[in-house]
Each structure stands twice: as structure tokens, then as C-alpha cells.
């Protein structure tokens, strides 16, 4: 069954919210231009932008991949730390997230093989790395 892009986005937001809850954070849906979720723990808050994708076969590829567009706006561009703290790539088919601090996003698009999302620890380790970068930024 074909799912609308807005529905895929909403599915991704709920998968991401679930992952953050499992990581011990509280979560609220934000539904703003650059922020989909607000996550907090103790006195620390994070603005989370969610990008969702399903597996698809692209030209010149023999296996399906996840392809994420990191850009925003009519003329696609990468938003900076003034817009969000964490960008979550959600592989809908695997129901997993890969978390990136804003500073880790360097390209307008990102592709992952399906196997990348099959790692049971990908959410924990990518979130810890992203969180470390955000905390370092906030110290300076």
C-alpha cells in the first residue's frame, strides 16, 4: 500500500519519539517549521528535526536503500544550529533512528544501506555521539 509523504513523516516522528523515550528522555511533538519534537531530561532540552524514509530502489543500484533529504525550504538548504540541535534519520521499514547533531550534517542528502539500520545499538550510540557534540557546543 502506498503511503502519502506527510503520513511517512508522521510515522517517522512517532518512531523517533519512541526511541527517545526508550533512551530515557521525555518527548513532546512540536510541529514547527524546523522542529518536530522537543526532548528533555532534567534541565536539558533538545530540538529534534526528523527526516523519514522508506527503502527504495534507485537508478544504478541493485539493492534498496534509504535516501534522506537533509535540506529544508523551497530552495533546499541545510539549516544550522539556530534551527535544531539533533537531526534524526528514521528508517521506517526497520523502525529505527540514526541521530546526528546539527554540526554532523554536511550534505543535502544522505543514503544508508538497509543493514545500517539493522544494528540494534545504532540508536543508542548515534544519540550519545550527537548529544556529546550538542553539549560541547553549549559549553562554548
N, C-alpha and C. Protein backbone atom coordinates (compact mmCIF):
# COMPACT_ATOMS: atom_id res chain seq x y z
N UNK A 1 0.84 -1.18 0.00
CA UNK A 1 0.00 0.00 0.00
C UNK A 1 0.88 1.25 0.00
N UNK A 2 0.59 2.18 -0.88
CA UNK A 2 1.35 3.43 -0.97
C UNK A 2 0.90 4.37 0.15
N UNK A 3 1.89 4.97 0.82
CA UNK A 3 1.62 5.88 1.93
C UNK A 3 2.03 7.28 1.52
N UNK A 4 1.19 8.26 1.83
CA UNK A 4 1.48 9.66 1.50
C UNK A 4 2.73 10.13 2.22
N UNK A 5 3.44 11.09 1.63
CA UNK A 5 4.67 11.61 2.22
C UNK A 5 4.43 12.21 3.60
N UNK A 6 3.32 12.93 3.77
CA UNK A 6 3.04 13.51 5.09
C UNK A 6 2.80 12.42 6.13
N UNK A 7 2.19 11.32 5.71
CA UNK A 7 1.97 10.20 6.62
C UNK A 7 3.30 9.55 6.98
N UNK A 8 4.20 9.40 6.00
CA UNK A 8 5.54 8.86 6.28
C UNK A 8 6.26 9.73 7.30
N UNK A 9 6.13 11.03 7.14
CA UNK A 9 6.75 11.95 8.09
C UNK A 9 6.22 11.77 9.49
N UNK A 10 4.92 11.62 9.61
CA UNK A 10 4.31 11.43 10.93
C UNK A 10 4.72 10.09 11.54
N UNK A 11 4.77 9.05 10.72
CA UNK A 11 5.23 7.74 11.20
C UNK A 11 6.66 7.88 11.74
N UNK A 12 7.52 8.57 11.00
CA UNK A 12 8.90 8.77 11.43
C UNK A 12 8.99 9.52 12.74
N UNK A 13 8.15 10.53 12.91
CA UNK A 13 8.17 11.30 14.16
C UNK A 13 7.80 10.42 15.36
N UNK A 14 6.82 9.56 15.18
CA UNK A 14 6.43 8.67 16.28
C UNK A 14 7.50 7.62 16.57
N UNK A 15 8.15 7.10 15.53
CA UNK A 15 9.25 6.15 15.73
C UNK A 15 10.39 6.84 16.49
N UNK A 16 10.72 8.06 16.10
CA UNK A 16 11.78 8.81 16.76
C UNK A 16 11.40 9.12 18.21
N UNK A 17 10.16 9.54 18.44
CA UNK A 17 9.71 9.82 19.81
C UNK A 17 9.83 8.57 20.68
N UNK A 18 9.47 7.44 20.13
CA UNK A 18 9.57 6.17 20.86
C UNK A 18 11.02 5.86 21.21
N UNK A 19 11.93 6.07 20.25
CA UNK A 19 13.35 5.80 20.50
C UNK A 19 13.88 6.71 21.61
N UNK A 20 13.51 7.99 21.57
CA UNK A 20 13.96 8.91 22.61
C UNK A 20 13.41 8.54 23.97
N UNK A 21 12.17 8.11 24.02
CA UNK A 21 11.59 7.64 25.29
C UNK A 21 12.36 6.44 25.83
N UNK A 22 12.71 5.52 24.94
CA UNK A 22 13.49 4.35 25.36
C UNK A 22 14.88 4.74 25.85
N UNK A 23 15.40 5.86 25.35
CA UNK A 23 16.71 6.35 25.79
C UNK A 23 16.62 7.15 27.09
N UNK A 24 15.43 7.25 27.65
CA UNK A 24 15.25 7.91 28.95
C UNK A 24 14.88 9.38 28.89
N UNK A 25 14.53 9.88 27.73
CA UNK A 25 14.15 11.27 27.57
C UNK A 25 12.63 11.39 27.51
N UNK A 26 12.09 12.52 27.90
CA UNK A 26 10.67 12.82 27.73
C UNK A 26 10.55 13.53 26.39
N UNK A 27 9.39 13.39 25.75
CA UNK A 27 9.23 13.91 24.40
C UNK A 27 7.86 14.55 24.22
N UNK A 28 7.85 15.62 23.44
CA UNK A 28 6.60 16.25 23.05
C UNK A 28 6.67 16.57 21.56
N UNK A 29 5.57 16.39 20.87
CA UNK A 29 5.50 16.74 19.46
C UNK A 29 5.47 18.27 19.36
N UNK A 30 6.25 18.84 18.45
CA UNK A 30 6.35 20.29 18.35
C UNK A 30 5.63 20.83 17.11
N UNK A 31 5.76 20.15 15.98
CA UNK A 31 5.11 20.54 14.73
C UNK A 31 5.40 21.99 14.33
N UNK A 32 6.66 22.36 14.38
CA UNK A 32 7.09 23.68 13.94
C UNK A 32 7.86 23.54 12.62
N UNK A 33 8.29 24.65 12.05
CA UNK A 33 8.98 24.61 10.75
C UNK A 33 10.21 23.73 10.77
N UNK A 34 11.10 23.92 11.71
CA UNK A 34 12.36 23.17 11.74
C UNK A 34 12.44 22.19 12.89
N UNK A 35 11.44 22.16 13.72
CA UNK A 35 11.47 21.30 14.91
C UNK A 35 10.23 20.43 14.92
N UNK A 36 10.44 19.12 14.96
CA UNK A 36 9.32 18.19 15.02
C UNK A 36 9.04 17.72 16.44
N UNK A 37 10.11 17.58 17.23
CA UNK A 37 9.99 17.08 18.60
C UNK A 37 10.83 17.93 19.55
N UNK A 38 10.37 18.04 20.77
CA UNK A 38 11.18 18.60 21.86
C UNK A 38 11.43 17.44 22.82
N UNK A 39 12.69 17.22 23.13
CA UNK A 39 13.06 16.16 24.08
C UNK A 39 13.72 16.83 25.28
N UNK A 40 13.44 16.33 26.47
CA UNK A 40 14.07 16.90 27.66
C UNK A 40 14.33 15.82 28.71
N UNK A 41 15.36 16.10 29.47
CA UNK A 41 15.75 15.23 30.58
C UNK A 41 16.40 16.13 31.61
N UNK A 42 15.89 16.10 32.82
CA UNK A 42 16.34 17.01 33.87
C UNK A 42 16.17 18.44 33.35
N UNK A 43 17.23 19.22 33.32
CA UNK A 43 17.14 20.61 32.84
C UNK A 43 17.72 20.79 31.44
N UNK A 44 17.83 19.73 30.68
CA UNK A 44 18.40 19.78 29.34
C UNK A 44 17.31 19.57 28.30
N UNK A 45 17.30 20.44 27.29
CA UNK A 45 16.30 20.38 26.23
C UNK A 45 16.97 20.23 24.88
N UNK A 46 16.31 19.47 23.99
CA UNK A 46 16.82 19.28 22.63
C UNK A 46 15.70 19.54 21.63
N UNK A 47 16.04 20.26 20.57
CA UNK A 47 15.11 20.46 19.45
C UNK A 47 15.48 19.42 18.39
N UNK A 48 14.50 18.60 18.01
CA UNK A 48 14.78 17.48 17.11
C UNK A 48 14.02 17.65 15.80
N UNK A 49 14.76 17.61 14.71
CA UNK A 49 14.18 17.59 13.36
C UNK A 49 14.20 16.14 12.89
N UNK A 50 13.10 15.66 12.33
CA UNK A 50 13.00 14.27 11.90
C UNK A 50 12.88 14.21 10.38
N UNK A 51 13.68 13.35 9.77
CA UNK A 51 13.59 13.06 8.34
C UNK A 51 13.31 11.57 8.22
N UNK A 52 12.28 11.22 7.47
CA UNK A 52 11.86 9.82 7.35
C UNK A 52 12.03 9.31 5.93
N UNK A 53 12.29 8.02 5.83
CA UNK A 53 12.44 7.40 4.51
C UNK A 53 12.03 5.94 4.58
N UNK A 54 11.53 5.45 3.47
CA UNK A 54 11.30 4.01 3.31
C UNK A 54 12.35 3.48 2.33
N UNK A 55 12.55 2.19 2.36
CA UNK A 55 13.51 1.59 1.43
C UNK A 55 13.01 1.74 0.00
N UNK A 56 13.95 2.09 -0.89
CA UNK A 56 13.58 2.21 -2.29
C UNK A 56 14.76 1.85 -3.18
N UNK A 57 14.43 1.43 -4.36
CA UNK A 57 15.45 1.07 -5.35
C UNK A 57 15.71 2.29 -6.21
N UNK A 58 16.96 2.76 -6.20
CA UNK A 58 17.33 3.91 -7.02
C UNK A 58 18.04 3.44 -8.27
N UNK A 59 18.05 4.31 -9.26
CA UNK A 59 18.73 4.00 -10.52
C UNK A 59 20.17 3.59 -10.26
N UNK A 60 20.63 2.67 -11.00
CA UNK A 60 22.01 2.15 -10.96
C UNK A 60 22.34 1.42 -9.65
N UNK A 61 21.34 1.06 -8.87
CA UNK A 61 21.58 0.31 -7.64
C UNK A 61 20.88 -1.05 -7.76
N UNK A 62 21.46 -2.04 -7.12
CA UNK A 62 20.86 -3.37 -7.20
C UNK A 62 20.12 -3.75 -5.91
N UNK A 63 20.35 -2.98 -4.85
CA UNK A 63 19.62 -3.23 -3.60
C UNK A 63 18.94 -1.95 -3.15
N UNK A 64 17.87 -2.10 -2.41
CA UNK A 64 17.13 -0.95 -1.92
C UNK A 64 17.93 -0.22 -0.84
N UNK A 65 17.75 1.09 -0.77
CA UNK A 65 18.44 1.91 0.22
C UNK A 65 17.46 2.92 0.82
N UNK A 66 17.90 3.53 1.92
CA UNK A 66 17.19 4.67 2.47
C UNK A 66 17.87 5.93 1.93
N UNK A 67 17.07 6.87 1.46
CA UNK A 67 17.61 8.12 0.95
C UNK A 67 16.90 9.27 1.67
N UNK A 68 17.68 10.10 2.35
CA UNK A 68 17.15 11.21 3.14
C UNK A 68 17.55 12.54 2.52
N UNK A 69 16.60 13.46 2.45
CA UNK A 69 16.89 14.82 2.01
C UNK A 69 17.05 15.65 3.27
N UNK A 70 18.25 16.15 3.53
CA UNK A 70 18.53 16.93 4.73
C UNK A 70 18.15 18.40 4.58
N UNK A 71 17.80 18.81 3.38
CA UNK A 71 17.50 20.21 3.14
C UNK A 71 16.10 20.60 3.57
N UNK A 72 15.92 21.90 3.68
CA UNK A 72 14.62 22.47 4.04
C UNK A 72 14.33 23.66 3.14
N UNK A 73 13.07 23.99 3.03
CA UNK A 73 12.68 25.17 2.28
C UNK A 73 12.53 24.91 0.80
N UNK A 74 12.02 25.92 0.11
CA UNK A 74 11.80 25.81 -1.34
C UNK A 74 13.11 25.58 -2.08
N UNK A 75 14.09 26.41 -1.78
CA UNK A 75 15.44 26.20 -2.32
C UNK A 75 16.20 25.44 -1.25
N UNK A 76 16.27 24.15 -1.41
CA UNK A 76 16.81 23.27 -0.38
C UNK A 76 18.17 23.74 0.14
N UNK A 77 18.25 23.88 1.45
CA UNK A 77 19.49 24.26 2.12
C UNK A 77 19.53 23.59 3.49
N UNK A 78 20.72 23.44 4.01
CA UNK A 78 20.90 22.82 5.33
C UNK A 78 20.75 23.90 6.39
N UNK A 79 19.88 23.67 7.32
CA UNK A 79 19.69 24.63 8.41
C UNK A 79 20.76 24.39 9.47
N UNK A 80 21.06 25.43 10.22
CA UNK A 80 22.12 25.36 11.22
C UNK A 80 21.60 25.22 12.64
N UNK A 81 22.51 25.44 13.58
CA UNK A 81 22.21 25.25 15.00
C UNK A 81 21.14 26.20 15.52
N UNK A 82 20.87 27.28 14.79
CA UNK A 82 19.80 28.17 15.22
C UNK A 82 18.42 27.54 15.01
N UNK A 83 18.34 26.48 14.20
CA UNK A 83 17.06 25.86 13.88
C UNK A 83 16.75 24.61 14.70
N UNK A 84 17.75 23.72 14.88
CA UNK A 84 17.53 22.50 15.65
C UNK A 84 18.87 21.99 16.17
N UNK A 85 18.80 21.09 17.16
CA UNK A 85 20.00 20.52 17.78
C UNK A 85 20.36 19.16 17.20
N UNK A 86 19.34 18.37 16.94
CA UNK A 86 19.53 16.98 16.50
C UNK A 86 18.69 16.75 15.25
N UNK A 87 19.27 16.09 14.26
CA UNK A 87 18.52 15.63 13.09
C UNK A 87 18.47 14.12 13.17
N UNK A 88 17.27 13.58 13.15
CA UNK A 88 17.09 12.12 13.21
C UNK A 88 16.69 11.59 11.85
N UNK A 89 17.47 10.66 11.33
CA UNK A 89 17.09 9.93 10.11
C UNK A 89 16.35 8.68 10.56
N UNK A 90 15.11 8.53 10.13
CA UNK A 90 14.29 7.39 10.55
C UNK A 90 14.07 6.47 9.36
N UNK A 91 14.56 5.23 9.50
CA UNK A 91 14.31 4.19 8.52
C UNK A 91 13.00 3.51 8.88
N UNK A 92 11.94 3.88 8.19
CA UNK A 92 10.60 3.40 8.56
C UNK A 92 10.51 1.89 8.49
N UNK A 93 11.06 1.28 7.46
CA UNK A 93 10.94 -0.18 7.29
C UNK A 93 11.60 -0.93 8.45
N UNK A 94 12.70 -0.39 8.98
CA UNK A 94 13.39 -1.02 10.10
C UNK A 94 12.94 -0.47 11.45
N UNK A 95 12.17 0.61 11.43
CA UNK A 95 11.67 1.26 12.64
C UNK A 95 12.81 1.64 13.59
N UNK A 96 13.84 2.27 13.01
CA UNK A 96 15.00 2.71 13.80
C UNK A 96 15.43 4.09 13.36
N UNK A 97 16.16 4.76 14.27
CA UNK A 97 16.67 6.11 14.03
C UNK A 97 18.19 6.12 14.05
N UNK A 98 18.74 7.04 13.29
CA UNK A 98 20.14 7.41 13.39
C UNK A 98 20.13 8.89 13.74
N UNK A 99 20.73 9.23 14.88
CA UNK A 99 20.74 10.61 15.36
C UNK A 99 22.03 11.31 14.96
N UNK A 100 21.91 12.58 14.57
CA UNK A 100 23.07 13.40 14.20
C UNK A 100 22.92 14.78 14.83
N UNK A 101 23.99 15.30 15.40
CA UNK A 101 23.98 16.69 15.83
C UNK A 101 23.94 17.54 14.56
N UNK A 102 23.42 18.73 14.67
CA UNK A 102 23.34 19.63 13.52
C UNK A 102 24.70 19.76 12.83
N UNK A 103 25.76 19.84 13.63
CA UNK A 103 27.10 20.01 13.08
C UNK A 103 27.56 18.82 12.23
N UNK A 104 26.95 17.67 12.41
CA UNK A 104 27.34 16.49 11.64
C UNK A 104 26.73 16.47 10.24
N UNK A 105 25.75 17.32 9.99
CA UNK A 105 25.05 17.33 8.70
C UNK A 105 25.83 18.24 7.75
N UNK A 106 26.45 17.65 6.74
CA UNK A 106 27.30 18.39 5.80
C UNK A 106 26.80 18.37 4.37
N UNK A 107 25.85 17.47 4.07
CA UNK A 107 25.38 17.33 2.69
C UNK A 107 23.85 17.43 2.64
N UNK A 108 23.34 17.79 1.46
CA UNK A 108 21.89 17.92 1.30
C UNK A 108 21.17 16.58 1.33
N UNK A 109 21.88 15.51 1.03
CA UNK A 109 21.23 14.20 1.09
C UNK A 109 22.16 13.17 1.73
N UNK A 110 21.55 12.14 2.25
CA UNK A 110 22.30 11.06 2.89
C UNK A 110 21.64 9.74 2.53
N UNK A 111 22.46 8.78 2.14
CA UNK A 111 21.96 7.44 1.80
C UNK A 111 22.54 6.43 2.78
N UNK A 112 21.71 5.46 3.14
CA UNK A 112 22.15 4.37 4.01
C UNK A 112 21.68 3.05 3.40
N UNK A 113 22.49 2.04 3.54
CA UNK A 113 22.05 0.69 3.20
C UNK A 113 21.14 0.19 4.31
N UNK A 114 20.25 -0.71 3.98
CA UNK A 114 19.30 -1.26 4.95
C UNK A 114 20.01 -1.83 6.16
N UNK A 115 21.14 -2.48 5.94
CA UNK A 115 21.88 -3.14 7.02
C UNK A 115 22.32 -2.16 8.11
N UNK A 116 22.54 -0.91 7.75
CA UNK A 116 22.96 0.09 8.73
C UNK A 116 21.92 0.23 9.84
N UNK A 117 20.65 0.15 9.47
CA UNK A 117 19.55 0.28 10.43
C UNK A 117 19.25 -1.03 11.16
N UNK A 118 19.90 -2.10 10.78
CA UNK A 118 19.67 -3.38 11.45
C UNK A 118 20.52 -3.56 12.70
N UNK A 119 21.46 -2.66 12.93
CA UNK A 119 22.30 -2.67 14.12
C UNK A 119 21.43 -2.31 15.34
N UNK A 120 21.31 -3.21 16.28
CA UNK A 120 20.47 -2.99 17.46
C UNK A 120 20.90 -1.81 18.31
N UNK A 121 22.17 -1.43 18.23
CA UNK A 121 22.68 -0.36 19.09
C UNK A 121 22.81 0.99 18.38
N UNK A 122 22.34 1.08 17.13
CA UNK A 122 22.56 2.30 16.35
C UNK A 122 21.91 3.51 17.00
N UNK A 123 20.74 3.36 17.58
CA UNK A 123 20.07 4.50 18.21
C UNK A 123 20.86 4.99 19.41
N UNK A 124 21.24 4.08 20.26
CA UNK A 124 21.97 4.46 21.47
C UNK A 124 23.29 5.15 21.12
N UNK A 125 24.11 4.52 20.29
CA UNK A 125 25.44 5.06 20.02
C UNK A 125 25.38 6.35 19.20
N UNK A 126 24.48 6.43 18.22
CA UNK A 126 24.41 7.67 17.43
C UNK A 126 23.85 8.80 18.29
N UNK A 127 22.92 8.51 19.19
CA UNK A 127 22.38 9.55 20.07
C UNK A 127 23.44 10.05 21.05
N UNK A 128 24.20 9.14 21.63
CA UNK A 128 25.24 9.54 22.57
C UNK A 128 26.28 10.43 21.90
N UNK A 129 26.66 10.10 20.68
CA UNK A 129 27.63 10.91 19.95
C UNK A 129 27.05 12.28 19.63
N UNK A 130 25.82 12.32 19.15
CA UNK A 130 25.17 13.60 18.82
C UNK A 130 25.00 14.45 20.07
N UNK A 131 24.61 13.83 21.17
CA UNK A 131 24.41 14.56 22.43
C UNK A 131 25.73 15.15 22.93
N UNK A 132 26.80 14.40 22.79
CA UNK A 132 28.12 14.89 23.19
C UNK A 132 28.50 16.15 22.38
N UNK A 133 28.22 16.15 21.10
CA UNK A 133 28.52 17.30 20.24
C UNK A 133 27.66 18.51 20.66
N UNK A 134 26.38 18.28 20.90
CA UNK A 134 25.49 19.37 21.32
C UNK A 134 25.95 19.95 22.66
N UNK A 135 26.28 19.09 23.59
CA UNK A 135 26.74 19.57 24.91
C UNK A 135 28.03 20.37 24.79
N UNK A 136 28.93 19.92 23.93
CA UNK A 136 30.19 20.65 23.72
C UNK A 136 29.91 22.03 23.14
N UNK A 137 29.01 22.10 22.18
CA UNK A 137 28.64 23.38 21.57
C UNK A 137 28.09 24.34 22.62
N UNK A 138 27.27 23.83 23.50
CA UNK A 138 26.63 24.68 24.51
C UNK A 138 27.59 25.17 25.59
N UNK A 139 28.72 24.49 25.73
CA UNK A 139 29.73 24.92 26.70
C UNK A 139 30.48 26.16 26.22
N UNK A 140 30.58 26.31 24.90
CA UNK A 140 31.37 27.42 24.34
C UNK A 140 30.55 28.65 24.10
